[in-house]
Each structure stands twice: as structure tokens, then as C-alpha cells.
């Protein structure tokens, strides 16, 4: 994930920089740095 602006207005990030901001779910839990849905990874070889 990259962003055009900073995570809190505290600095500017270039388009090539990794976004390291923490994403917080509605229930207050961390979604890591995933702007999307975190889902279980399937076992190796499965769809």
C-alpha cells in the first residue's frame, strides 16, 4: 500500500514509499496495514 499523503498530516510520503500506518477496525482492533479485509490464508496448495 502506498499513499499520496501522510498518515496523520505529520509528513509527506512519496508514492513509492510503503505505507506503515496502522488501520483500526470499527471495534477498535487493529487491521494491521491492510486497507481491505483480512481473511484466513488457505493451506498451501488450496484455492
ModelCIF file with pLDDT and N, C-alpha, C, O atoms, coordinates in Angstrom:
data_MODEL
#
_entry.id   MODEL 
#
_entity.id                         1 
_entity.type                       polymer 
_entity.pdbx_number_of_molecules   1 
#
_entity_poly.entity_id                      1 
_entity_poly.type                           'polypeptide(L)' 
_entity_poly.nstd_linkage                   no 
_entity_poly.nstd_monomer                   no 
_entity_poly.pdbx_seq_one_letter_code       
;(UNK)(UNK)(UNK)(UNK)(UNK)(UNK)(UNK)(UNK)(UNK)(UNK)(UNK)(UNK)(UNK)(UNK)(UNK)(UNK)
(UNK)(UNK)(UNK)(UNK)(UNK)(UNK)(UNK)(UNK)(UNK)(UNK)(UNK)(UNK)(UNK)(UNK)(UNK)(UNK)
(UNK)(UNK)(UNK)(UNK)(UNK)(UNK)(UNK)(UNK)(UNK)(UNK)(UNK)(UNK)(UNK)(UNK)(UNK)
;
_entity_poly.pdbx_seq_one_letter_code_can   XXXXXXXXXXXXXXXXXXXXXXXXXXXXXXXXXXXXXXXXXXXXXXX 
_entity_poly.pdbx_strand_id                 A 
#
loop_
_entity_poly_seq.entity_id 
_entity_poly_seq.num 
_entity_poly_seq.mon_id 
_entity_poly_seq.hetero 
1 1  UNK n 
1 2  UNK n 
1 3  UNK n 
1 4  UNK n 
1 5  UNK n 
1 6  UNK n 
1 7  UNK n 
1 8  UNK n 
1 9  UNK n 
1 10 UNK n 
1 11 UNK n 
1 12 UNK n 
1 13 UNK n 
1 14 UNK n 
1 15 UNK n 
1 16 UNK n 
1 17 UNK n 
1 18 UNK n 
1 19 UNK n 
1 20 UNK n 
1 21 UNK n 
1 22 UNK n 
1 23 UNK n 
1 24 UNK n 
1 25 UNK n 
1 26 UNK n 
1 27 UNK n 
1 28 UNK n 
1 29 UNK n 
1 30 UNK n 
1 31 UNK n 
1 32 UNK n 
1 33 UNK n 
1 34 UNK n 
1 35 UNK n 
1 36 UNK n 
1 37 UNK n 
1 38 UNK n 
1 39 UNK n 
1 40 UNK n 
1 41 UNK n 
1 42 UNK n 
1 43 UNK n 
1 44 UNK n 
1 45 UNK n 
1 46 UNK n 
1 47 UNK n 
#
_struct_asym.id          A 
_struct_asym.entity_id   1 
#
loop_
_ma_qa_metric.id 
_ma_qa_metric.mode 
_ma_qa_metric.name 
_ma_qa_metric.software_group_id 
_ma_qa_metric.type 
1 global pLDDT . pLDDT 
2 local  pLDDT . pLDDT 
#
_ma_qa_metric_global.metric_id      1 
_ma_qa_metric_global.metric_value   65.17 
_ma_qa_metric_global.model_id       1 
_ma_qa_metric_global.ordinal_id     1 
#
loop_
_ma_qa_metric_local.label_asym_id 
_ma_qa_metric_local.label_comp_id 
_ma_qa_metric_local.label_seq_id 
_ma_qa_metric_local.metric_id 
_ma_qa_metric_local.metric_value 
_ma_qa_metric_local.model_id 
_ma_qa_metric_local.ordinal_id 
A UNK 1  2 34.00 1 1  
A UNK 2  2 33.00 1 2  
A UNK 3  2 34.00 1 3  
A UNK 4  2 33.00 1 4  
A UNK 5  2 37.00 1 5  
A UNK 6  2 41.00 1 6  
A UNK 7  2 52.00 1 7  
A UNK 8  2 44.00 1 8  
A UNK 9  2 40.00 1 9  
A UNK 10 2 38.00 1 10 
A UNK 11 2 39.00 1 11 
A UNK 12 2 40.00 1 12 
A UNK 13 2 37.00 1 13 
A UNK 14 2 39.00 1 14 
A UNK 15 2 35.00 1 15 
A UNK 16 2 34.00 1 16 
A UNK 17 2 40.00 1 17 
A UNK 18 2 44.00 1 18 
A UNK 19 2 46.00 1 19 
A UNK 20 2 57.00 1 20 
A UNK 21 2 78.00 1 21 
A UNK 22 2 81.00 1 22 
A UNK 23 2 82.00 1 23 
A UNK 24 2 79.00 1 24 
A UNK 25 2 76.00 1 25 
A UNK 26 2 71.00 1 26 
A UNK 27 2 71.00 1 27 
A UNK 28 2 72.00 1 28 
A UNK 29 2 75.00 1 29 
A UNK 30 2 79.00 1 30 
A UNK 31 2 84.00 1 31 
A UNK 32 2 87.00 1 32 
A UNK 33 2 90.00 1 33 
A UNK 34 2 92.00 1 34 
A UNK 35 2 90.00 1 35 
A UNK 36 2 92.00 1 36 
A UNK 37 2 92.00 1 37 
A UNK 38 2 92.00 1 38 
A UNK 39 2 92.00 1 39 
A UNK 40 2 90.00 1 40 
A UNK 41 2 90.00 1 41 
A UNK 42 2 88.00 1 42 
A UNK 43 2 84.00 1 43 
A UNK 44 2 84.00 1 44 
A UNK 45 2 83.00 1 45 
A UNK 46 2 85.00 1 46 
A UNK 47 2 87.00 1 47 
#
loop_
_atom_site.group_PDB 
_atom_site.id 
_atom_site.type_symbol 
_atom_site.label_atom_id 
_atom_site.label_alt_id 
_atom_site.label_comp_id 
_atom_site.label_asym_id 
_atom_site.label_entity_id 
_atom_site.label_seq_id 
_atom_site.pdbx_PDB_ins_code 
_atom_site.Cartn_x 
_atom_site.Cartn_y 
_atom_site.Cartn_z 
_atom_site.occupancy 
_atom_site.B_iso_or_equiv 
_atom_site.pdbx_formal_charge 
_atom_site.auth_seq_id 
_atom_site.auth_comp_id 
_atom_site.auth_asym_id 
_atom_site.auth_atom_id 
_atom_site.pdbx_PDB_model_num 
ATOM 1   N N  . UNK A 1 1  ? 0.837   -1.194  0.000  1.00 34.00 ? 1  UNK A N  1 
ATOM 2   C CA . UNK A 1 1  ? 0.000   0.000   0.000  1.00 34.00 ? 1  UNK A CA 1 
ATOM 3   C C  . UNK A 1 1  ? 0.870   1.242   0.000  1.00 34.00 ? 1  UNK A C  1 
ATOM 4   O O  . UNK A 1 1  ? 1.844   1.328   0.748  1.00 34.00 ? 1  UNK A O  1 
ATOM 5   N N  . UNK A 1 2  ? 0.527   2.173   -0.816 1.00 33.00 ? 2  UNK A N  1 
ATOM 6   C CA . UNK A 1 2  ? 1.197   3.465   -0.814 1.00 33.00 ? 2  UNK A CA 1 
ATOM 7   C C  . UNK A 1 2  ? 0.148   4.548   -0.756 1.00 33.00 ? 2  UNK A C  1 
ATOM 8   O O  . UNK A 1 2  ? -1.015  4.306   -1.080 1.00 33.00 ? 2  UNK A O  1 
ATOM 9   N N  . UNK A 1 3  ? 0.533   5.713   -0.357 1.00 34.00 ? 3  UNK A N  1 
ATOM 10  C CA . UNK A 1 3  ? -0.431  6.791   -0.214 1.00 34.00 ? 3  UNK A CA 1 
ATOM 11  C C  . UNK A 1 3  ? 0.152   8.068   -0.764 1.00 34.00 ? 3  UNK A C  1 
ATOM 12  O O  . UNK A 1 3  ? 1.368   8.241   -0.839 1.00 34.00 ? 3  UNK A O  1 
ATOM 13  N N  . UNK A 1 4  ? -0.736  8.952   -1.144 1.00 33.00 ? 4  UNK A N  1 
ATOM 14  C CA . UNK A 1 4  ? -0.300  10.229  -1.676 1.00 33.00 ? 4  UNK A CA 1 
ATOM 15  C C  . UNK A 1 4  ? -0.001  11.214  -0.568 1.00 33.00 ? 4  UNK A C  1 
ATOM 16  O O  . UNK A 1 4  ? 0.718   12.189  -0.784 1.00 33.00 ? 4  UNK A O  1 
ATOM 17  N N  . UNK A 1 5  ? -0.540  10.976  0.613  1.00 37.00 ? 5  UNK A N  1 
ATOM 18  C CA . UNK A 1 5  ? -0.329  11.888  1.724  1.00 37.00 ? 5  UNK A CA 1 
ATOM 19  C C  . UNK A 1 5  ? 0.127   11.149  2.951  1.00 37.00 ? 5  UNK A C  1 
ATOM 20  O O  . UNK A 1 5  ? 0.207   9.921   2.926  1.00 37.00 ? 5  UNK A O  1 
ATOM 21  N N  . UNK A 1 6  ? 0.434   11.849  4.032  1.00 41.00 ? 6  UNK A N  1 
ATOM 22  C CA . UNK A 1 6  ? 0.926   11.224  5.252  1.00 41.00 ? 6  UNK A CA 1 
ATOM 23  C C  . UNK A 1 6  ? -0.168  10.593  6.043  1.00 41.00 ? 6  UNK A C  1 
ATOM 24  O O  . UNK A 1 6  ? -1.350  10.775  5.754  1.00 41.00 ? 6  UNK A O  1 
ATOM 25  N N  . UNK A 1 7  ? 0.238   9.824   7.079  1.00 52.00 ? 7  UNK A N  1 
ATOM 26  C CA . UNK A 1 7  ? -0.735  9.095   7.876  1.00 52.00 ? 7  UNK A CA 1 
ATOM 27  C C  . UNK A 1 7  ? -1.482  9.991   8.828  1.00 52.00 ? 7  UNK A C  1 
ATOM 28  O O  . UNK A 1 7  ? -2.591  9.640   9.230  1.00 52.00 ? 7  UNK A O  1 
ATOM 29  N N  . UNK A 1 8  ? -0.980  11.048  9.184  1.00 44.00 ? 8  UNK A N  1 
ATOM 30  C CA . UNK A 1 8  ? -1.723  11.908  10.099 1.00 44.00 ? 8  UNK A CA 1 
ATOM 31  C C  . UNK A 1 8  ? -1.464  13.350  9.840  1.00 44.00 ? 8  UNK A C  1 
ATOM 32  O O  . UNK A 1 8  ? -1.711  14.198  10.698 1.00 44.00 ? 8  UNK A O  1 
ATOM 33  N N  . UNK A 1 9  ? -0.978  13.640  8.693  1.00 40.00 ? 9  UNK A N  1 
ATOM 34  C CA . UNK A 1 9  ? -0.656  15.018  8.389  1.00 40.00 ? 9  UNK A CA 1 
ATOM 35  C C  . UNK A 1 9  ? 0.701   15.413  8.920  1.00 40.00 ? 9  UNK A C  1 
ATOM 36  O O  . UNK A 1 9  ? 1.099   16.567  8.759  1.00 40.00 ? 9  UNK A O  1 
ATOM 37  N N  . UNK A 1 10 ? 1.440   14.494  9.554  1.00 38.00 ? 10 UNK A N  1 
ATOM 38  C CA . UNK A 1 10 ? 2.716   14.817  10.159 1.00 38.00 ? 10 UNK A CA 1 
ATOM 39  C C  . UNK A 1 10 ? 3.859   14.804  9.179  1.00 38.00 ? 10 UNK A C  1 
ATOM 40  O O  . UNK A 1 10 ? 4.977   15.163  9.549  1.00 38.00 ? 10 UNK A O  1 
ATOM 41  N N  . UNK A 1 11 ? 3.631   14.407  7.943  1.00 39.00 ? 11 UNK A N  1 
ATOM 42  C CA . UNK A 1 11 ? 4.725   14.376  6.989  1.00 39.00 ? 11 UNK A CA 1 
ATOM 43  C C  . UNK A 1 11 ? 4.223   13.920  5.642  1.00 39.00 ? 11 UNK A C  1 
ATOM 44  O O  . UNK A 1 11 ? 3.160   13.310  5.522  1.00 39.00 ? 11 UNK A O  1 
ATOM 45  N N  . UNK A 1 12 ? 5.002   14.227  4.641  1.00 40.00 ? 12 UNK A N  1 
ATOM 46  C CA . UNK A 1 12 ? 4.641   13.818  3.297  1.00 40.00 ? 12 UNK A CA 1 
ATOM 47  C C  . UNK A 1 12 ? 5.361   12.533  2.934  1.00 40.00 ? 12 UNK A C  1 
ATOM 48  O O  . UNK A 1 12 ? 6.519   12.333  3.301  1.00 40.00 ? 12 UNK A O  1 
ATOM 49  N N  . UNK A 1 13 ? 4.665   11.658  2.208  1.00 37.00 ? 13 UNK A N  1 
ATOM 50  C CA . UNK A 1 13 ? 5.231   10.391  1.764  1.00 37.00 ? 13 UNK A CA 1 
ATOM 51  C C  . UNK A 1 13 ? 5.246   10.375  0.247  1.00 37.00 ? 13 UNK A C  1 
ATOM 52  O O  . UNK A 1 13 ? 4.281   10.796  -0.390 1.00 37.00 ? 13 UNK A O  1 
ATOM 53  N N  . UNK A 1 14 ? 6.319   9.898   -0.327 1.00 39.00 ? 14 UNK A N  1 
ATOM 54  C CA . UNK A 1 14 ? 6.359   9.739   -1.772 1.00 39.00 ? 14 UNK A CA 1 
ATOM 55  C C  . UNK A 1 14 ? 5.517   8.550   -2.187 1.00 39.00 ? 14 UNK A C  1 
ATOM 56  O O  . UNK A 1 14 ? 5.214   7.675   -1.375 1.00 39.00 ? 14 UNK A O  1 
ATOM 57  N N  . UNK A 1 15 ? 5.142   8.522   -3.458 1.00 35.00 ? 15 UNK A N  1 
ATOM 58  C CA . UNK A 1 15 ? 4.258   7.467   -3.944 1.00 35.00 ? 15 UNK A CA 1 
ATOM 59  C C  . UNK A 1 15 ? 4.911   6.103   -3.871 1.00 35.00 ? 15 UNK A C  1 
ATOM 60  O O  . UNK A 1 15 ? 4.200   5.099   -3.849 1.00 35.00 ? 15 UNK A O  1 
ATOM 61  N N  . UNK A 1 16 ? 6.224   6.020   -3.832 1.00 34.00 ? 16 UNK A N  1 
ATOM 62  C CA . UNK A 1 16 ? 6.899   4.725   -3.825 1.00 34.00 ? 16 UNK A CA 1 
ATOM 63  C C  . UNK A 1 16 ? 7.142   4.201   -2.428 1.00 34.00 ? 16 UNK A C  1 
ATOM 64  O O  . UNK A 1 16 ? 7.612   3.075   -2.268 1.00 34.00 ? 16 UNK A O  1 
ATOM 65  N N  . UNK A 1 17 ? 6.832   4.994   -1.406 1.00 40.00 ? 17 UNK A N  1 
ATOM 66  C CA . UNK A 1 17 ? 7.102   4.558   -0.039 1.00 40.00 ? 17 UNK A CA 1 
ATOM 67  C C  . UNK A 1 17 ? 6.010   3.611   0.437  1.00 40.00 ? 17 UNK A C  1 
ATOM 68  O O  . UNK A 1 17 ? 4.839   3.776   0.095  1.00 40.00 ? 17 UNK A O  1 
ATOM 69  N N  . UNK A 1 18 ? 6.415   2.592   1.251  1.00 44.00 ? 18 UNK A N  1 
ATOM 70  C CA . UNK A 1 18 ? 5.440   1.716   1.869  1.00 44.00 ? 18 UNK A CA 1 
ATOM 71  C C  . UNK A 1 18 ? 4.648   2.470   2.919  1.00 44.00 ? 18 UNK A C  1 
ATOM 72  O O  . UNK A 1 18 ? 5.210   3.242   3.696  1.00 44.00 ? 18 UNK A O  1 
ATOM 73  N N  . UNK A 1 19 ? 3.379   2.254   2.943  1.00 46.00 ? 19 UNK A N  1 
ATOM 74  C CA . UNK A 1 19 ? 2.537   2.870   3.959  1.00 46.00 ? 19 UNK A CA 1 
ATOM 75  C C  . UNK A 1 19 ? 2.635   2.045   5.238  1.00 46.00 ? 19 UNK A C  1 
ATOM 76  O O  . UNK A 1 19 ? 2.376   0.841   5.217  1.00 46.00 ? 19 UNK A O  1 
ATOM 77  N N  . UNK A 1 20 ? 2.997   2.661   6.321  1.00 57.00 ? 20 UNK A N  1 
ATOM 78  C CA . UNK A 1 20 ? 3.181   1.931   7.574  1.00 57.00 ? 20 UNK A CA 1 
ATOM 79  C C  . UNK A 1 20 ? 2.141   2.320   8.599  1.00 57.00 ? 20 UNK A C  1 
ATOM 80  O O  . UNK A 1 20 ? 2.261   1.967   9.773  1.00 57.00 ? 20 UNK A O  1 
ATOM 81  N N  . UNK A 1 21 ? 1.125   3.041   8.171  1.00 78.00 ? 21 UNK A N  1 
ATOM 82  C CA . UNK A 1 21 ? 0.081   3.448   9.114  1.00 78.00 ? 21 UNK A CA 1 
ATOM 83  C C  . UNK A 1 21 ? -0.711  2.235   9.577  1.00 78.00 ? 21 UNK A C  1 
ATOM 84  O O  . UNK A 1 21 ? -0.908  1.285   8.819  1.00 78.00 ? 21 UNK A O  1 
ATOM 85  N N  . UNK A 1 22 ? -1.154  2.270   10.801 1.00 81.00 ? 22 UNK A N  1 
ATOM 86  C CA . UNK A 1 22 ? -1.985  1.185   11.328 1.00 81.00 ? 22 UNK A CA 1 
ATOM 87  C C  . UNK A 1 22 ? -3.441  1.499   11.021 1.00 81.00 ? 22 UNK A C  1 
ATOM 88  O O  . UNK A 1 22 ? -3.905  2.619   11.236 1.00 81.00 ? 22 UNK A O  1 
ATOM 89  N N  . UNK A 1 23 ? -4.155  0.505   10.518 1.00 82.00 ? 23 UNK A N  1 
ATOM 90  C CA . UNK A 1 23 ? -5.582  0.640   10.226 1.00 82.00 ? 23 UNK A CA 1 
ATOM 91  C C  . UNK A 1 23 ? -6.344  0.051   11.400 1.00 82.00 ? 23 UNK A C  1 
ATOM 92  O O  . UNK A 1 23 ? -6.049  -1.053  11.857 1.00 82.00 ? 23 UNK A O  1 
ATOM 93  N N  . UNK A 1 24 ? -7.319  0.791   11.877 1.00 79.00 ? 24 UNK A N  1 
ATOM 94  C CA . UNK A 1 24 ? -8.074  0.364   13.054 1.00 79.00 ? 24 UNK A CA 1 
ATOM 95  C C  . UNK A 1 24 ? -9.487  -0.004  12.630 1.00 79.00 ? 24 UNK A C  1 
ATOM 96  O O  . UNK A 1 24 ? -10.152 0.769   11.940 1.00 79.00 ? 24 UNK A O  1 
ATOM 97  N N  . UNK A 1 25 ? -9.949  -1.184  13.041 1.00 76.00 ? 25 UNK A N  1 
ATOM 98  C CA . UNK A 1 25 ? -11.304 -1.646  12.733 1.00 76.00 ? 25 UNK A CA 1 
ATOM 99  C C  . UNK A 1 25 ? -12.329 -0.886  13.549 1.00 76.00 ? 25 UNK A C  1 
ATOM 100 O O  . UNK A 1 25 ? -11.989 -0.203  14.515 1.00 76.00 ? 25 UNK A O  1 
ATOM 101 N N  . UNK A 1 26 ? -13.581 -1.011  13.155 1.00 71.00 ? 26 UNK A N  1 
ATOM 102 C CA . UNK A 1 26 ? -14.659 -0.330  13.878 1.00 71.00 ? 26 UNK A CA 1 
ATOM 103 C C  . UNK A 1 26 ? -14.742 -0.756  15.327 1.00 71.00 ? 26 UNK A C  1 
ATOM 104 O O  . UNK A 1 26 ? -15.163 0.023   16.182 1.00 71.00 ? 26 UNK A O  1 
ATOM 105 N N  . UNK A 1 27 ? -14.339 -2.006  15.615 1.00 71.00 ? 27 UNK A N  1 
ATOM 106 C CA . UNK A 1 27 ? -14.405 -2.480  17.001 1.00 71.00 ? 27 UNK A CA 1 
ATOM 107 C C  . UNK A 1 27 ? -13.149 -2.142  17.790 1.00 71.00 ? 27 UNK A C  1 
ATOM 108 O O  . UNK A 1 27 ? -12.973 -2.603  18.917 1.00 71.00 ? 27 UNK A O  1 
ATOM 109 N N  . UNK A 1 28 ? -12.282 -1.339  17.196 1.00 72.00 ? 28 UNK A N  1 
ATOM 110 C CA . UNK A 1 28 ? -11.082 -0.910  17.907 1.00 72.00 ? 28 UNK A CA 1 
ATOM 111 C C  . UNK A 1 28 ? -9.884  -1.823  17.741 1.00 72.00 ? 28 UNK A C  1 
ATOM 112 O O  . UNK A 1 28 ? -8.790  -1.496  18.201 1.00 72.00 ? 28 UNK A O  1 
ATOM 113 N N  . UNK A 1 29 ? -10.074 -2.969  17.087 1.00 75.00 ? 29 UNK A N  1 
ATOM 114 C CA . UNK A 1 29 ? -8.942  -3.880  16.889 1.00 75.00 ? 29 UNK A CA 1 
ATOM 115 C C  . UNK A 1 29 ? -8.119  -3.439  15.691 1.00 75.00 ? 29 UNK A C  1 
ATOM 116 O O  . UNK A 1 29 ? -8.599  -2.717  14.817 1.00 75.00 ? 29 UNK A O  1 
ATOM 117 N N  . UNK A 1 30 ? -6.898  -3.880  15.669 1.00 79.00 ? 30 UNK A N  1 
ATOM 118 C CA . UNK A 1 30 ? -6.000  -3.489  14.592 1.00 79.00 ? 30 UNK A CA 1 
ATOM 119 C C  . UNK A 1 30 ? -6.219  -4.370  13.363 1.00 79.00 ? 30 UNK A C  1 
ATOM 120 O O  . UNK A 1 30 ? -6.372  -5.588  13.461 1.00 79.00 ? 30 UNK A O  1 
ATOM 121 N N  . UNK A 1 31 ? -6.227  -3.721  12.222 1.00 84.00 ? 31 UNK A N  1 
ATOM 122 C CA . UNK A 1 31 ? -6.266  -4.438  10.950 1.00 84.00 ? 31 UNK A CA 1 
ATOM 123 C C  . UNK A 1 31 ? -4.883  -4.421  10.292 1.00 84.00 ? 31 UNK A C  1 
ATOM 124 O O  . UNK A 1 31 ? -4.734  -4.663  9.094  1.00 84.00 ? 31 UNK A O  1 
ATOM 125 N N  . UNK A 1 32 ? -3.897  -4.131  11.110 1.00 87.00 ? 32 UNK A N  1 
ATOM 126 C CA . UNK A 1 32 ? -2.546  -4.062  10.567 1.00 87.00 ? 32 UNK A CA 1 
ATOM 127 C C  . UNK A 1 32 ? -2.425  -2.901  9.613  1.00 87.00 ? 32 UNK A C  1 
ATOM 128 O O  . UNK A 1 32 ? -2.922  -1.810  9.896  1.00 87.00 ? 32 UNK A O  1 
ATOM 129 N N  . UNK A 1 33 ? -1.784  -3.112  8.505  1.00 90.00 ? 33 UNK A N  1 
ATOM 130 C CA . UNK A 1 33 ? -1.634  -2.077  7.480  1.00 90.00 ? 33 UNK A CA 1 
ATOM 131 C C  . UNK A 1 33 ? -2.494  -2.404  6.258  1.00 90.00 ? 33 UNK A C  1 
ATOM 132 O O  . UNK A 1 33 ? -2.189  -1.975  5.144  1.00 90.00 ? 33 UNK A O  1 
ATOM 133 N N  . UNK A 1 34 ? -3.566  -3.163  6.474  1.00 92.00 ? 34 UNK A N  1 
ATOM 134 C CA . UNK A 1 34 ? -4.426  -3.627  5.367  1.00 92.00 ? 34 UNK A CA 1 
ATOM 135 C C  . UNK A 1 34 ? -5.634  -2.725  5.226  1.00 92.00 ? 34 UNK A C  1 
ATOM 136 O O  . UNK A 1 34 ? -6.502  -2.697  6.099  1.00 92.00 ? 34 UNK A O  1 
ATOM 137 N N  . UNK A 1 35 ? -5.692  -1.983  4.124  1.00 90.00 ? 35 UNK A N  1 
ATOM 138 C CA . UNK A 1 35 ? -6.916  -1.247  3.806  1.00 90.00 ? 35 UNK A CA 1 
ATOM 139 C C  . UNK A 1 35 ? -7.771  -2.166  2.944  1.00 90.00 ? 35 UNK A C  1 
ATOM 140 O O  . UNK A 1 35 ? -7.755  -2.083  1.715  1.00 90.00 ? 35 UNK A O  1 
ATOM 141 N N  . UNK A 1 36 ? -8.508  -3.034  3.601  1.00 92.00 ? 36 UNK A N  1 
ATOM 142 C CA . UNK A 1 36 ? -9.305  -4.067  2.962  1.00 92.00 ? 36 UNK A CA 1 
ATOM 143 C C  . UNK A 1 36 ? -9.792  -5.016  4.036  1.00 92.00 ? 36 UNK A C  1 
ATOM 144 O O  . UNK A 1 36 ? -9.928  -4.623  5.195  1.00 92.00 ? 36 UNK A O  1 
ATOM 145 N N  . UNK A 1 37 ? -10.054 -6.237  3.675  1.00 92.00 ? 37 UNK A N  1 
ATOM 146 C CA . UNK A 1 37 ? -10.471 -7.232  4.661  1.00 92.00 ? 37 UNK A CA 1 
ATOM 147 C C  . UNK A 1 37 ? -9.385  -8.271  4.823  1.00 92.00 ? 37 UNK A C  1 
ATOM 148 O O  . UNK A 1 37 ? -8.884  -8.827  3.846  1.00 92.00 ? 37 UNK A O  1 
ATOM 149 N N  . UNK A 1 38 ? -9.028  -8.524  6.067  1.00 92.00 ? 38 UNK A N  1 
ATOM 150 C CA . UNK A 1 38 ? -8.072  -9.575  6.367  1.00 92.00 ? 38 UNK A CA 1 
ATOM 151 C C  . UNK A 1 38 ? -8.823  -10.900 6.497  1.00 92.00 ? 38 UNK A C  1 
ATOM 152 O O  . UNK A 1 38 ? -9.788  -11.016 7.252  1.00 92.00 ? 38 UNK A O  1 
ATOM 153 N N  . UNK A 1 39 ? -8.362  -11.880 5.752  1.00 92.00 ? 39 UNK A N  1 
ATOM 154 C CA . UNK A 1 39 ? -9.034  -13.174 5.721  1.00 92.00 ? 39 UNK A CA 1 
ATOM 155 C C  . UNK A 1 39 ? -8.009  -14.269 5.972  1.00 92.00 ? 39 UNK A C  1 
ATOM 156 O O  . UNK A 1 39 ? -6.820  -14.070 5.723  1.00 92.00 ? 39 UNK A O  1 
ATOM 157 N N  . UNK A 1 40 ? -8.458  -15.434 6.467  1.00 90.00 ? 40 UNK A N  1 
ATOM 158 C CA . UNK A 1 40 ? -7.511  -16.521 6.725  1.00 90.00 ? 40 UNK A CA 1 
ATOM 159 C C  . UNK A 1 40 ? -6.809  -16.971 5.438  1.00 90.00 ? 40 UNK A C  1 
ATOM 160 O O  . UNK A 1 40 ? -7.439  -17.138 4.393  1.00 90.00 ? 40 UNK A O  1 
ATOM 161 N N  . UNK A 1 41 ? -5.541  -17.156 5.538  1.00 90.00 ? 41 UNK A N  1 
ATOM 162 C CA . UNK A 1 41 ? -4.761  -17.655 4.413  1.00 90.00 ? 41 UNK A CA 1 
ATOM 163 C C  . UNK A 1 41 ? -5.003  -19.156 4.270  1.00 90.00 ? 41 UNK A C  1 
ATOM 164 O O  . UNK A 1 41 ? -4.924  -19.875 5.267  1.00 90.00 ? 41 UNK A O  1 
ATOM 165 N N  . UNK A 1 42 ? -5.292  -19.651 3.076  1.00 88.00 ? 42 UNK A N  1 
ATOM 166 C CA . UNK A 1 42 ? -5.568  -21.085 2.927  1.00 88.00 ? 42 UNK A CA 1 
ATOM 167 C C  . UNK A 1 42 ? -4.289  -21.898 3.078  1.00 88.00 ? 42 UNK A C  1 
ATOM 168 O O  . UNK A 1 42 ? -3.194  -21.388 2.843  1.00 88.00 ? 42 UNK A O  1 
ATOM 169 N N  . UNK A 1 43 ? -4.427  -23.153 3.467  1.00 84.00 ? 43 UNK A N  1 
ATOM 170 C CA . UNK A 1 43 ? -3.251  -24.028 3.493  1.00 84.00 ? 43 UNK A CA 1 
ATOM 171 C C  . UNK A 1 43 ? -2.602  -24.101 2.111  1.00 84.00 ? 43 UNK A C  1 
ATOM 172 O O  . UNK A 1 43 ? -3.250  -23.893 1.085  1.00 84.00 ? 43 UNK A O  1 
ATOM 173 N N  . UNK A 1 44 ? -1.329  -24.399 2.117  1.00 84.00 ? 44 UNK A N  1 
ATOM 174 C CA . UNK A 1 44 ? -0.590  -24.440 0.861  1.00 84.00 ? 44 UNK A CA 1 
ATOM 175 C C  . UNK A 1 44 ? -1.227  -25.443 -0.108 1.00 84.00 ? 44 UNK A C  1 
ATOM 176 O O  . UNK A 1 44 ? -1.561  -26.569 0.259  1.00 84.00 ? 44 UNK A O  1 
ATOM 177 N N  . UNK A 1 45 ? -1.379  -25.000 -1.330 1.00 83.00 ? 45 UNK A N  1 
ATOM 178 C CA . UNK A 1 45 ? -1.943  -25.861 -2.369 1.00 83.00 ? 45 UNK A CA 1 
ATOM 179 C C  . UNK A 1 45 ? -3.442  -25.782 -2.514 1.00 83.00 ? 45 UNK A C  1 
ATOM 180 O O  . UNK A 1 45 ? -4.001  -26.333 -3.462 1.00 83.00 ? 45 UNK A O  1 
ATOM 181 N N  . UNK A 1 46 ? -4.116  -25.096 -1.580 1.00 85.00 ? 46 UNK A N  1 
ATOM 182 C CA . UNK A 1 46 ? -5.575  -24.962 -1.668 1.00 85.00 ? 46 UNK A CA 1 
ATOM 183 C C  . UNK A 1 46 ? -5.950  -23.609 -2.266 1.00 85.00 ? 46 UNK A C  1 
ATOM 184 O O  . UNK A 1 46 ? -5.147  -22.677 -2.213 1.00 85.00 ? 46 UNK A O  1 
ATOM 185 N N  . UNK A 1 47 ? -7.158  -23.477 -2.836 1.00 87.00 ? 47 UNK A N  1 
ATOM 186 C CA . UNK A 1 47 ? -7.532  -22.242 -3.538 1.00 87.00 ? 47 UNK A CA 1 
ATOM 187 C C  . UNK A 1 47 ? -7.510  -21.016 -2.633 1.00 87.00 ? 47 UNK A C  1 
ATOM 188 O O  . UNK A 1 47 ? -7.802  -19.909 -3.086 1.00 87.00 ? 47 UNK A O  1 
#
